[in-house]
Amino acid sequence: MKNLLIGFIAGMAAIIGIALIIGLSGAVNVAATEQDPAPLGWFLHTSFERSVAARSADISPPEDLDRPERVQRGARSFAAMCAGCHTPPGLDDTPRAIGLNPAPPKLAALSGHRSDAAAFWVIRNGARMTGMPAFGPTHQAPELWDLVAFLRTAESLTPERYAALSAGPVDDGHDHRHGDADAHGPATSDEPDPGPPATGLPGS
């Protein structure tokens, strides 16, 4: 038993040592044009999904996510904040969407992909090493729930319906210029807030 334990520790030390040598030598290609091997891609994606599910389990969605007003506000916010990566129906992928690795899902694929609570968690906290930013530091919880309300309708959206819903300015007090940080921090909210943005999400 003692020899088995020593062998296990020695094996783990060897694996860690090899990983460090490979990583620190610069041998790992971090270019976004390089695809992860299938087993690594599966591991990262599965880790991401289970991490989100665990951290969103205690979040209670509002009961009025089907209100047309919320859906339209969410559509306008999506057009300003998200459409550059998550391609809406009837539009071509942007250079940003094409260049991201992993590739961001198109808008239609976001509907039904995860629970409302999990969608809110991802929008609020983002996901490291995916290109998905965290909007929690700059937006109130009700604004992010509006996005979730819109995403619930995404699977059945036609290009015409998306254009109608997303038309008009986003009147939320934020600067939505691409590439610029929002000028305003999160404001107070009358809606239940599940707490500060979480950290420690594995890459996907």
N, C-alpha and C. Protein backbone atom coordinates (compact mmCIF):
# COMPACT_ATOMS: atom_id res chain seq x y z
N MET A 1 0.82 -1.20 0.00
CA MET A 1 0.00 0.00 0.00
C MET A 1 0.86 1.26 0.00
N LYS A 2 1.93 1.20 0.80
CA LYS A 2 2.84 2.34 0.87
C LYS A 2 3.48 2.60 -0.48
N ASN A 3 3.92 1.53 -1.15
CA ASN A 3 4.55 1.68 -2.46
C ASN A 3 3.57 2.22 -3.49
N LEU A 4 2.29 1.79 -3.37
CA LEU A 4 1.26 2.27 -4.29
C LEU A 4 1.06 3.77 -4.11
N LEU A 5 1.02 4.23 -2.85
CA LEU A 5 0.83 5.65 -2.57
C LEU A 5 2.01 6.47 -3.08
N ILE A 6 3.22 5.95 -2.85
CA ILE A 6 4.42 6.65 -3.32
C ILE A 6 4.41 6.73 -4.85
N GLY A 7 4.01 5.64 -5.50
CA GLY A 7 3.95 5.64 -6.96
C GLY A 7 2.93 6.63 -7.49
N PHE A 8 1.78 6.72 -6.79
CA PHE A 8 0.74 7.66 -7.22
C PHE A 8 1.23 9.09 -7.08
N ILE A 9 1.85 9.42 -5.96
CA ILE A 9 2.36 10.78 -5.74
C ILE A 9 3.44 11.12 -6.77
N ALA A 10 4.32 10.15 -7.03
CA ALA A 10 5.38 10.38 -8.01
C ALA A 10 4.80 10.59 -9.40
N GLY A 11 3.78 9.81 -9.74
CA GLY A 11 3.14 9.96 -11.05
C GLY A 11 2.48 11.32 -11.20
N MET A 12 1.77 11.76 -10.15
CA MET A 12 1.12 13.07 -10.19
C MET A 12 2.15 14.19 -10.30
N ALA A 13 3.24 14.06 -9.57
CA ALA A 13 4.30 15.07 -9.64
C ALA A 13 4.89 15.13 -11.04
N ALA A 14 5.06 13.97 -11.67
CA ALA A 14 5.60 13.94 -13.03
C ALA A 14 4.65 14.61 -14.01
N ILE A 15 3.35 14.35 -13.87
CA ILE A 15 2.35 14.95 -14.76
C ILE A 15 2.36 16.47 -14.60
N ILE A 16 2.38 16.94 -13.35
CA ILE A 16 2.40 18.38 -13.10
C ILE A 16 3.68 19.00 -13.66
N GLY A 17 4.79 18.32 -13.47
CA GLY A 17 6.06 18.83 -13.99
C GLY A 17 6.06 18.93 -15.50
N ILE A 18 5.55 17.91 -16.17
CA ILE A 18 5.48 17.93 -17.63
C ILE A 18 4.57 19.06 -18.11
N ALA A 19 3.42 19.23 -17.42
CA ALA A 19 2.49 20.29 -17.80
C ALA A 19 3.13 21.66 -17.65
N LEU A 20 3.89 21.85 -16.58
CA LEU A 20 4.56 23.13 -16.36
C LEU A 20 5.61 23.39 -17.44
N ILE A 21 6.38 22.35 -17.76
CA ILE A 21 7.42 22.51 -18.78
C ILE A 21 6.79 22.88 -20.12
N ILE A 22 5.71 22.18 -20.49
CA ILE A 22 5.05 22.46 -21.77
C ILE A 22 4.47 23.86 -21.77
N GLY A 23 3.77 24.22 -20.69
CA GLY A 23 3.13 25.53 -20.63
C GLY A 23 4.11 26.68 -20.62
N LEU A 24 5.16 26.57 -19.82
CA LEU A 24 6.12 27.66 -19.68
C LEU A 24 7.10 27.74 -20.84
N SER A 25 7.17 26.69 -21.64
CA SER A 25 8.10 26.71 -22.77
C SER A 25 7.56 27.49 -23.96
N GLY A 26 6.27 27.82 -23.91
CA GLY A 26 5.65 28.49 -25.05
C GLY A 26 5.19 27.53 -26.13
N ALA A 27 5.20 26.25 -25.86
CA ALA A 27 4.81 25.27 -26.88
C ALA A 27 3.31 25.28 -27.14
N VAL A 28 2.52 25.74 -26.15
CA VAL A 28 1.07 25.77 -26.33
C VAL A 28 0.69 26.96 -27.22
N ASN A 29 -0.01 26.70 -28.28
CA ASN A 29 -0.45 27.74 -29.20
C ASN A 29 -1.76 28.33 -28.69
N VAL A 30 -1.74 29.60 -28.27
CA VAL A 30 -2.93 30.23 -27.70
C VAL A 30 -3.72 31.01 -28.75
N ALA A 31 -3.38 30.88 -30.03
CA ALA A 31 -4.09 31.60 -31.08
C ALA A 31 -5.55 31.19 -31.13
N ALA A 32 -6.44 32.17 -31.35
CA ALA A 32 -7.87 31.87 -31.47
C ALA A 32 -8.18 31.09 -32.74
N THR A 33 -7.25 31.03 -33.66
CA THR A 33 -7.45 30.26 -34.89
C THR A 33 -7.20 28.77 -34.68
N GLU A 34 -6.65 28.41 -33.53
CA GLU A 34 -6.38 27.00 -33.22
C GLU A 34 -7.55 26.40 -32.46
N GLN A 35 -8.03 25.26 -32.91
CA GLN A 35 -9.14 24.58 -32.24
C GLN A 35 -8.62 23.64 -31.16
N ASP A 36 -9.33 23.57 -30.03
CA ASP A 36 -8.95 22.64 -28.98
C ASP A 36 -9.18 21.21 -29.44
N PRO A 37 -8.35 20.27 -28.98
CA PRO A 37 -8.65 18.86 -29.24
C PRO A 37 -10.03 18.51 -28.68
N ALA A 38 -10.71 17.59 -29.32
CA ALA A 38 -12.08 17.25 -28.94
C ALA A 38 -12.23 16.91 -27.45
N PRO A 39 -11.35 16.09 -26.87
CA PRO A 39 -11.52 15.78 -25.44
C PRO A 39 -11.39 17.02 -24.55
N LEU A 40 -10.44 17.92 -24.89
CA LEU A 40 -10.28 19.13 -24.10
C LEU A 40 -11.49 20.05 -24.27
N GLY A 41 -11.98 20.17 -25.51
CA GLY A 41 -13.17 20.98 -25.74
C GLY A 41 -14.37 20.47 -24.96
N TRP A 42 -14.55 19.14 -24.95
CA TRP A 42 -15.65 18.55 -24.18
C TRP A 42 -15.49 18.85 -22.70
N PHE A 43 -14.29 18.70 -22.18
CA PHE A 43 -14.05 18.93 -20.76
C PHE A 43 -14.34 20.38 -20.37
N LEU A 44 -13.85 21.34 -21.18
CA LEU A 44 -14.06 22.74 -20.86
C LEU A 44 -15.53 23.11 -20.94
N HIS A 45 -16.23 22.63 -21.98
CA HIS A 45 -17.64 22.96 -22.13
C HIS A 45 -18.48 22.35 -21.00
N THR A 46 -18.19 21.09 -20.67
CA THR A 46 -18.93 20.43 -19.61
C THR A 46 -18.67 21.10 -18.27
N SER A 47 -17.42 21.48 -18.02
CA SER A 47 -17.09 22.19 -16.77
C SER A 47 -17.85 23.51 -16.69
N PHE A 48 -17.91 24.22 -17.82
CA PHE A 48 -18.63 25.49 -17.87
C PHE A 48 -20.11 25.30 -17.55
N GLU A 49 -20.76 24.35 -18.22
CA GLU A 49 -22.19 24.13 -18.02
C GLU A 49 -22.50 23.74 -16.58
N ARG A 50 -21.69 22.88 -16.00
CA ARG A 50 -21.96 22.42 -14.63
C ARG A 50 -21.65 23.51 -13.61
N SER A 51 -20.66 24.34 -13.91
CA SER A 51 -20.35 25.46 -13.03
C SER A 51 -21.51 26.46 -13.01
N VAL A 52 -22.04 26.77 -14.19
CA VAL A 52 -23.16 27.70 -14.27
C VAL A 52 -24.38 27.12 -13.57
N ALA A 53 -24.67 25.85 -13.81
CA ALA A 53 -25.84 25.22 -13.18
C ALA A 53 -25.73 25.27 -11.66
N ALA A 54 -24.55 25.00 -11.13
CA ALA A 54 -24.37 25.00 -9.68
C ALA A 54 -24.54 26.40 -9.09
N ARG A 55 -24.02 27.41 -9.77
CA ARG A 55 -24.04 28.76 -9.23
C ARG A 55 -25.35 29.49 -9.48
N SER A 56 -26.18 28.98 -10.35
CA SER A 56 -27.47 29.62 -10.62
C SER A 56 -28.64 28.90 -9.98
N ALA A 57 -28.35 27.84 -9.24
CA ALA A 57 -29.43 26.99 -8.71
C ALA A 57 -30.34 27.74 -7.75
N ASP A 58 -29.83 28.73 -7.04
CA ASP A 58 -30.63 29.44 -6.04
C ASP A 58 -31.22 30.75 -6.55
N ILE A 59 -31.09 31.03 -7.83
CA ILE A 59 -31.63 32.26 -8.41
C ILE A 59 -33.09 32.04 -8.80
N SER A 60 -33.97 32.93 -8.37
CA SER A 60 -35.39 32.84 -8.69
C SER A 60 -35.75 33.88 -9.75
N PRO A 61 -36.12 33.46 -10.94
CA PRO A 61 -36.49 34.43 -11.99
C PRO A 61 -37.76 35.19 -11.63
N PRO A 62 -37.90 36.42 -12.11
CA PRO A 62 -39.15 37.14 -11.94
C PRO A 62 -40.30 36.40 -12.61
N GLU A 63 -41.52 36.66 -12.16
CA GLU A 63 -42.68 35.96 -12.70
C GLU A 63 -43.24 36.62 -13.95
N ASP A 64 -42.71 37.78 -14.36
CA ASP A 64 -43.30 38.51 -15.47
C ASP A 64 -42.40 38.55 -16.70
N LEU A 65 -41.59 37.51 -16.90
CA LEU A 65 -40.66 37.52 -18.03
C LEU A 65 -41.37 37.44 -19.38
N ASP A 66 -42.67 37.09 -19.37
CA ASP A 66 -43.39 37.03 -20.64
C ASP A 66 -44.08 38.34 -20.99
N ARG A 67 -43.89 39.38 -20.18
CA ARG A 67 -44.48 40.67 -20.49
C ARG A 67 -43.88 41.24 -21.78
N PRO A 68 -44.72 41.69 -22.72
CA PRO A 68 -44.19 42.24 -23.98
C PRO A 68 -43.22 43.39 -23.77
N GLU A 69 -43.46 44.21 -22.73
CA GLU A 69 -42.56 45.34 -22.49
C GLU A 69 -41.16 44.87 -22.15
N ARG A 70 -41.05 43.81 -21.36
CA ARG A 70 -39.74 43.28 -21.00
C ARG A 70 -39.06 42.69 -22.23
N VAL A 71 -39.82 41.97 -23.03
CA VAL A 71 -39.25 41.34 -24.22
C VAL A 71 -38.70 42.41 -25.16
N GLN A 72 -39.45 43.50 -25.36
CA GLN A 72 -38.97 44.53 -26.28
C GLN A 72 -37.77 45.26 -25.72
N ARG A 73 -37.78 45.58 -24.43
CA ARG A 73 -36.59 46.22 -23.85
C ARG A 73 -35.38 45.30 -23.98
N GLY A 74 -35.60 44.01 -23.75
CA GLY A 74 -34.50 43.06 -23.88
C GLY A 74 -33.99 42.96 -25.30
N ALA A 75 -34.90 43.04 -26.29
CA ALA A 75 -34.49 42.97 -27.69
C ALA A 75 -33.62 44.16 -28.05
N ARG A 76 -33.99 45.35 -27.57
CA ARG A 76 -33.21 46.54 -27.87
C ARG A 76 -31.84 46.47 -27.19
N SER A 77 -31.81 45.96 -25.96
CA SER A 77 -30.52 45.81 -25.28
C SER A 77 -29.66 44.77 -25.99
N PHE A 78 -30.30 43.69 -26.45
CA PHE A 78 -29.55 42.66 -27.17
C PHE A 78 -28.91 43.25 -28.43
N ALA A 79 -29.67 44.04 -29.17
CA ALA A 79 -29.14 44.64 -30.40
C ALA A 79 -27.94 45.52 -30.11
N ALA A 80 -27.96 46.21 -28.96
CA ALA A 80 -26.87 47.13 -28.62
C ALA A 80 -25.68 46.42 -28.00
N MET A 81 -25.92 45.36 -27.24
CA MET A 81 -24.88 44.76 -26.42
C MET A 81 -24.39 43.40 -26.92
N CYS A 82 -25.24 42.67 -27.62
CA CYS A 82 -24.95 41.24 -27.84
C CYS A 82 -24.92 40.81 -29.31
N ALA A 83 -25.60 41.57 -30.17
CA ALA A 83 -25.78 41.11 -31.55
C ALA A 83 -24.48 41.00 -32.34
N GLY A 84 -23.45 41.72 -31.90
CA GLY A 84 -22.17 41.65 -32.60
C GLY A 84 -21.51 40.29 -32.50
N CYS A 85 -21.89 39.51 -31.50
CA CYS A 85 -21.34 38.16 -31.33
C CYS A 85 -22.38 37.08 -31.58
N HIS A 86 -23.59 37.25 -31.02
CA HIS A 86 -24.65 36.26 -31.15
C HIS A 86 -25.56 36.68 -32.30
N THR A 87 -25.24 36.22 -33.50
CA THR A 87 -25.85 36.71 -34.73
C THR A 87 -27.36 36.54 -34.74
N PRO A 88 -28.11 37.63 -34.94
CA PRO A 88 -29.57 37.54 -35.03
C PRO A 88 -30.01 36.94 -36.36
N PRO A 89 -31.25 36.48 -36.45
CA PRO A 89 -31.74 35.91 -37.71
C PRO A 89 -31.75 36.95 -38.83
N GLY A 90 -31.34 36.52 -40.01
CA GLY A 90 -31.36 37.38 -41.18
C GLY A 90 -30.11 38.22 -41.35
N LEU A 91 -29.17 38.15 -40.40
CA LEU A 91 -27.95 38.93 -40.50
C LEU A 91 -26.73 38.02 -40.65
N ASP A 92 -25.68 38.55 -41.24
CA ASP A 92 -24.43 37.80 -41.38
C ASP A 92 -23.59 37.93 -40.12
N ASP A 93 -22.74 36.94 -39.90
CA ASP A 93 -21.81 37.01 -38.77
C ASP A 93 -20.89 38.21 -38.92
N THR A 94 -20.61 38.88 -37.83
CA THR A 94 -19.65 39.98 -37.84
C THR A 94 -18.23 39.42 -37.79
N PRO A 95 -17.23 40.22 -38.14
CA PRO A 95 -15.84 39.77 -37.99
C PRO A 95 -15.53 39.32 -36.56
N ARG A 96 -16.12 39.99 -35.58
CA ARG A 96 -15.90 39.60 -34.19
C ARG A 96 -16.41 38.19 -33.92
N ALA A 97 -17.64 37.91 -34.38
CA ALA A 97 -18.22 36.58 -34.17
C ALA A 97 -17.40 35.51 -34.87
N ILE A 98 -16.94 35.81 -36.09
CA ILE A 98 -16.16 34.84 -36.85
C ILE A 98 -14.82 34.55 -36.17
N GLY A 99 -14.24 35.57 -35.53
CA GLY A 99 -12.91 35.42 -34.96
C GLY A 99 -12.86 34.87 -33.56
N LEU A 100 -14.01 34.72 -32.90
CA LEU A 100 -14.00 34.23 -31.53
C LEU A 100 -13.84 32.70 -31.49
N ASN A 101 -13.13 32.24 -30.47
CA ASN A 101 -12.94 30.81 -30.23
C ASN A 101 -12.99 30.58 -28.71
N PRO A 102 -14.02 29.85 -28.24
CA PRO A 102 -15.03 29.12 -28.98
C PRO A 102 -16.02 30.04 -29.67
N ALA A 103 -16.63 29.53 -30.75
CA ALA A 103 -17.57 30.33 -31.53
C ALA A 103 -18.81 30.63 -30.69
N PRO A 104 -19.26 31.88 -30.65
CA PRO A 104 -20.46 32.21 -29.89
C PRO A 104 -21.69 31.65 -30.56
N PRO A 105 -22.65 31.12 -29.80
CA PRO A 105 -23.88 30.62 -30.41
C PRO A 105 -24.65 31.75 -31.08
N LYS A 106 -25.32 31.44 -32.17
CA LYS A 106 -26.21 32.42 -32.79
C LYS A 106 -27.42 32.63 -31.87
N LEU A 107 -28.12 33.74 -32.09
CA LEU A 107 -29.25 34.08 -31.22
C LEU A 107 -30.26 32.95 -31.12
N ALA A 108 -30.62 32.33 -32.24
CA ALA A 108 -31.63 31.28 -32.22
C ALA A 108 -31.22 30.10 -31.35
N ALA A 109 -29.91 29.86 -31.23
CA ALA A 109 -29.43 28.72 -30.44
C ALA A 109 -29.40 29.02 -28.95
N LEU A 110 -29.58 30.27 -28.56
CA LEU A 110 -29.54 30.61 -27.14
C LEU A 110 -30.84 30.27 -26.43
N SER A 111 -31.94 30.18 -27.17
CA SER A 111 -33.24 29.90 -26.56
C SER A 111 -33.33 28.42 -26.18
N GLY A 112 -33.69 28.16 -24.94
CA GLY A 112 -33.85 26.79 -24.48
C GLY A 112 -32.56 26.07 -24.20
N HIS A 113 -31.42 26.76 -24.38
CA HIS A 113 -30.12 26.12 -24.16
C HIS A 113 -29.85 25.90 -22.69
N ARG A 114 -30.38 26.79 -21.84
CA ARG A 114 -30.23 26.65 -20.39
C ARG A 114 -31.41 27.32 -19.71
N SER A 115 -31.53 27.15 -18.41
CA SER A 115 -32.65 27.71 -17.67
C SER A 115 -32.58 29.23 -17.64
N ASP A 116 -33.70 29.87 -17.29
CA ASP A 116 -33.72 31.33 -17.17
C ASP A 116 -32.69 31.79 -16.14
N ALA A 117 -32.62 31.08 -15.04
CA ALA A 117 -31.67 31.47 -13.98
C ALA A 117 -30.23 31.35 -14.47
N ALA A 118 -29.93 30.27 -15.21
CA ALA A 118 -28.58 30.08 -15.72
C ALA A 118 -28.24 31.14 -16.77
N ALA A 119 -29.21 31.49 -17.63
CA ALA A 119 -28.98 32.54 -18.63
C ALA A 119 -28.67 33.87 -17.94
N PHE A 120 -29.44 34.18 -16.89
CA PHE A 120 -29.20 35.41 -16.14
C PHE A 120 -27.81 35.40 -15.53
N TRP A 121 -27.40 34.27 -14.96
CA TRP A 121 -26.09 34.18 -14.31
C TRP A 121 -24.97 34.44 -15.32
N VAL A 122 -25.09 33.84 -16.51
CA VAL A 122 -24.05 34.03 -17.52
C VAL A 122 -24.01 35.49 -17.98
N ILE A 123 -25.17 36.08 -18.23
CA ILE A 123 -25.20 37.49 -18.66
C ILE A 123 -24.61 38.37 -17.57
N ARG A 124 -24.89 38.08 -16.34
CA ARG A 124 -24.44 38.93 -15.23
C ARG A 124 -22.96 38.76 -14.94
N ASN A 125 -22.48 37.53 -15.01
CA ASN A 125 -21.11 37.24 -14.59
C ASN A 125 -20.13 37.01 -15.74
N GLY A 126 -20.64 36.77 -16.96
CA GLY A 126 -19.75 36.49 -18.07
C GLY A 126 -19.08 35.14 -17.94
N ALA A 127 -18.15 34.86 -18.83
CA ALA A 127 -17.44 33.58 -18.83
C ALA A 127 -16.02 33.82 -19.30
N ARG A 128 -15.08 33.54 -18.44
CA ARG A 128 -13.68 33.76 -18.79
C ARG A 128 -13.24 32.89 -19.95
N MET A 129 -12.34 33.45 -20.76
CA MET A 129 -11.73 32.74 -21.88
C MET A 129 -12.75 32.33 -22.95
N THR A 130 -13.88 33.04 -23.03
CA THR A 130 -14.86 32.77 -24.07
C THR A 130 -15.20 34.02 -24.87
N GLY A 131 -14.84 35.20 -24.39
CA GLY A 131 -15.25 36.44 -25.02
C GLY A 131 -16.56 36.96 -24.48
N MET A 132 -17.21 36.21 -23.57
CA MET A 132 -18.49 36.64 -23.00
C MET A 132 -18.22 37.58 -21.83
N PRO A 133 -18.59 38.88 -21.95
CA PRO A 133 -18.33 39.81 -20.85
C PRO A 133 -19.35 39.69 -19.74
N ALA A 134 -19.01 40.24 -18.58
CA ALA A 134 -19.94 40.31 -17.45
C ALA A 134 -20.64 41.66 -17.48
N PHE A 135 -21.96 41.65 -17.57
CA PHE A 135 -22.72 42.90 -17.59
C PHE A 135 -23.24 43.27 -16.20
N GLY A 136 -23.02 42.40 -15.21
CA GLY A 136 -23.47 42.71 -13.86
C GLY A 136 -22.84 43.95 -13.25
N PRO A 137 -21.55 44.21 -13.47
CA PRO A 137 -20.94 45.40 -12.87
C PRO A 137 -21.48 46.72 -13.42
N THR A 138 -22.16 46.70 -14.56
CA THR A 138 -22.59 47.94 -15.20
C THR A 138 -24.10 48.06 -15.38
N HIS A 139 -24.85 47.00 -15.09
CA HIS A 139 -26.28 47.01 -15.32
C HIS A 139 -27.04 46.48 -14.10
N GLN A 140 -28.24 47.00 -13.92
CA GLN A 140 -29.10 46.55 -12.84
C GLN A 140 -29.69 45.17 -13.18
N ALA A 141 -30.10 44.45 -12.15
CA ALA A 141 -30.70 43.14 -12.35
C ALA A 141 -31.93 43.19 -13.26
N PRO A 142 -32.85 44.15 -13.11
CA PRO A 142 -34.02 44.16 -14.01
C PRO A 142 -33.64 44.29 -15.48
N GLU A 143 -32.60 45.04 -15.77
CA GLU A 143 -32.15 45.19 -17.16
C GLU A 143 -31.66 43.85 -17.72
N LEU A 144 -30.98 43.08 -16.89
CA LEU A 144 -30.47 41.80 -17.34
C LEU A 144 -31.59 40.78 -17.47
N TRP A 145 -32.59 40.87 -16.59
CA TRP A 145 -33.75 39.98 -16.72
C TRP A 145 -34.53 40.30 -18.00
N ASP A 146 -34.54 41.57 -18.43
CA ASP A 146 -35.17 41.91 -19.71
C ASP A 146 -34.50 41.14 -20.85
N LEU A 147 -33.17 41.05 -20.80
CA LEU A 147 -32.46 40.27 -21.82
C LEU A 147 -32.89 38.80 -21.78
N VAL A 148 -33.03 38.25 -20.58
CA VAL A 148 -33.48 36.86 -20.45
C VAL A 148 -34.88 36.71 -21.04
N ALA A 149 -35.75 37.69 -20.76
CA ALA A 149 -37.11 37.65 -21.30
C ALA A 149 -37.08 37.60 -22.83
N PHE A 150 -36.20 38.38 -23.43
CA PHE A 150 -36.08 38.36 -24.89
C PHE A 150 -35.53 37.02 -25.38
N LEU A 151 -34.52 36.48 -24.70
CA LEU A 151 -33.91 35.23 -25.14
C LEU A 151 -34.91 34.08 -25.14
N ARG A 152 -35.91 34.15 -24.28
CA ARG A 152 -36.93 33.09 -24.24
C ARG A 152 -37.70 33.01 -25.57
N THR A 153 -37.72 34.09 -26.33
CA THR A 153 -38.46 34.12 -27.59
C THR A 153 -37.57 33.87 -28.80
N ALA A 154 -36.27 33.71 -28.57
CA ALA A 154 -35.30 33.77 -29.68
C ALA A 154 -35.46 32.65 -30.69
N GLU A 155 -35.83 31.47 -30.25
CA GLU A 155 -35.84 30.31 -31.15
C GLU A 155 -36.84 30.49 -32.29
N SER A 156 -37.95 31.19 -32.02
CA SER A 156 -39.00 31.32 -33.03
C SER A 156 -38.96 32.65 -33.77
N LEU A 157 -37.94 33.47 -33.53
CA LEU A 157 -37.88 34.79 -34.14
C LEU A 157 -37.60 34.71 -35.64
N THR A 158 -38.37 35.45 -36.41
CA THR A 158 -38.05 35.66 -37.82
C THR A 158 -37.21 36.93 -37.94
N PRO A 159 -36.52 37.10 -39.07
CA PRO A 159 -35.77 38.35 -39.25
C PRO A 159 -36.66 39.59 -39.10
N GLU A 160 -37.88 39.51 -39.61
CA GLU A 160 -38.78 40.65 -39.53
C GLU A 160 -39.19 40.93 -38.10
N ARG A 161 -39.48 39.89 -37.34
CA ARG A 161 -39.89 40.08 -35.94
C ARG A 161 -38.73 40.62 -35.12
N TYR A 162 -37.53 40.14 -35.37
CA TYR A 162 -36.37 40.66 -34.65
C TYR A 162 -36.17 42.14 -34.96
N ALA A 163 -36.29 42.50 -36.23
CA ALA A 163 -36.10 43.90 -36.61
C ALA A 163 -37.13 44.79 -35.95
N ALA A 164 -38.37 44.31 -35.84
CA ALA A 164 -39.42 45.12 -35.23
C ALA A 164 -39.19 45.27 -33.72
N LEU A 165 -38.81 44.18 -33.07
CA LEU A 165 -38.60 44.23 -31.62
C LEU A 165 -37.39 45.08 -31.24
N SER A 166 -36.34 45.00 -32.02
CA SER A 166 -35.08 45.64 -31.64
C SER A 166 -34.97 47.08 -32.12
N ALA A 167 -35.95 47.54 -32.90
CA ALA A 167 -35.89 48.90 -33.42
C ALA A 167 -36.05 49.91 -32.29
N GLY A 168 -35.31 50.99 -32.36
CA GLY A 168 -35.42 52.05 -31.36
C GLY A 168 -34.24 52.08 -30.44
N PRO A 169 -34.08 53.19 -29.74
CA PRO A 169 -32.93 53.35 -28.84
C PRO A 169 -33.10 52.56 -27.55
N VAL A 170 -31.99 52.31 -26.88
CA VAL A 170 -31.99 51.68 -25.56
C VAL A 170 -31.94 52.79 -24.52
N ASP A 171 -33.05 52.99 -23.81
CA ASP A 171 -33.13 54.08 -22.84
C ASP A 171 -32.88 53.52 -21.45
N ASP A 172 -31.61 53.13 -21.17
CA ASP A 172 -31.29 52.56 -19.87
C ASP A 172 -30.18 53.31 -19.14
N GLY A 173 -29.78 54.45 -19.69
CA GLY A 173 -28.78 55.26 -19.00
C GLY A 173 -27.35 54.79 -19.20
N HIS A 174 -27.13 53.85 -20.14
CA HIS A 174 -25.78 53.31 -20.34
C HIS A 174 -25.25 53.71 -21.71
N ASP A 175 -23.96 53.77 -21.79
CA ASP A 175 -23.27 54.02 -23.05
C ASP A 175 -22.96 52.68 -23.68
N HIS A 176 -23.60 52.37 -24.81
CA HIS A 176 -23.44 51.06 -25.42
C HIS A 176 -22.51 51.07 -26.62
N ARG A 177 -21.63 52.05 -26.71
CA ARG A 177 -20.67 52.04 -27.81
C ARG A 177 -19.78 50.83 -27.70
N HIS A 178 -19.62 50.11 -28.81
CA HIS A 178 -18.79 48.90 -28.80
C HIS A 178 -17.35 49.26 -28.49
N GLY A 179 -16.76 48.53 -27.56
CA GLY A 179 -15.36 48.72 -27.23
C GLY A 179 -15.14 49.69 -26.10
N ASP A 180 -16.17 50.41 -25.67
CA ASP A 180 -16.02 51.35 -24.57
C ASP A 180 -16.68 50.80 -23.32
N ALA A 181 -16.08 51.10 -22.18
CA ALA A 181 -16.69 50.70 -20.93
C ALA A 181 -17.90 51.57 -20.66
N ASP A 182 -18.94 50.99 -20.01
CA ASP A 182 -20.10 51.79 -19.65
C ASP A 182 -19.70 52.84 -18.64
N ALA A 183 -20.29 54.00 -18.76
CA ALA A 183 -19.92 55.11 -17.91
C ALA A 183 -20.59 55.06 -16.55
N HIS A 184 -21.59 54.20 -16.41
CA HIS A 184 -22.35 54.17 -15.17
C HIS A 184 -22.17 52.83 -14.47
N GLY A 185 -22.09 52.85 -13.18
CA GLY A 185 -22.07 51.63 -12.41
C GLY A 185 -23.47 51.13 -12.19
N PRO A 186 -23.64 49.97 -11.55
CA PRO A 186 -24.96 49.41 -11.32
C PRO A 186 -25.76 50.30 -10.39
N ALA A 187 -27.00 50.56 -10.75
CA ALA A 187 -27.87 51.38 -9.91
C ALA A 187 -28.67 50.49 -8.98
N THR A 188 -29.40 51.13 -8.09
CA THR A 188 -30.21 50.36 -7.16
C THR A 188 -31.40 49.77 -7.89
N SER A 189 -31.99 48.72 -7.33
CA SER A 189 -33.09 48.02 -7.97
C SER A 189 -34.13 47.62 -6.95
N ASP A 190 -35.41 47.69 -7.34
CA ASP A 190 -36.49 47.21 -6.50
C ASP A 190 -36.72 45.73 -6.68
N GLU A 191 -36.05 45.12 -7.64
CA GLU A 191 -36.21 43.70 -7.92
C GLU A 191 -35.19 42.91 -7.13
N PRO A 192 -35.55 41.71 -6.66
CA PRO A 192 -34.58 40.91 -5.89
C PRO A 192 -33.29 40.73 -6.66
N ASP A 193 -32.18 40.92 -5.97
CA ASP A 193 -30.87 40.82 -6.60
C ASP A 193 -30.15 39.63 -6.01
N PRO A 194 -29.65 38.69 -6.85
CA PRO A 194 -29.02 37.49 -6.33
C PRO A 194 -27.62 37.68 -5.80
N GLY A 195 -27.16 38.92 -5.64
CA GLY A 195 -25.85 39.12 -5.05
C GLY A 195 -24.83 39.58 -6.05
N PRO A 196 -23.59 39.80 -5.61
CA PRO A 196 -22.54 40.32 -6.49
C PRO A 196 -22.11 39.29 -7.50
N PRO A 197 -21.53 39.74 -8.61
CA PRO A 197 -21.04 38.79 -9.61
C PRO A 197 -20.10 37.78 -9.00
N ALA A 198 -20.25 36.54 -9.44
CA ALA A 198 -19.41 35.48 -8.91
C ALA A 198 -18.10 35.42 -9.66
N THR A 199 -17.14 34.70 -9.12
CA THR A 199 -15.85 34.51 -9.76
C THR A 199 -15.53 33.04 -9.77
N GLY A 200 -14.46 32.70 -10.49
CA GLY A 200 -13.97 31.32 -10.46
C GLY A 200 -14.58 30.42 -11.49
N LEU A 201 -15.21 30.97 -12.55
CA LEU A 201 -15.82 30.15 -13.57
C LEU A 201 -14.76 29.54 -14.49
N PRO A 202 -14.79 28.23 -14.68
CA PRO A 202 -13.82 27.63 -15.60
C PRO A 202 -14.04 28.13 -17.00
N GLY A 203 -12.97 28.16 -17.79
CA GLY A 203 -13.08 28.59 -19.18
C GLY A 203 -13.91 27.61 -19.98
N SER A 204 -14.44 28.09 -21.12
CA SER A 204 -15.27 27.23 -21.97
C SER A 204 -14.82 27.36 -23.41
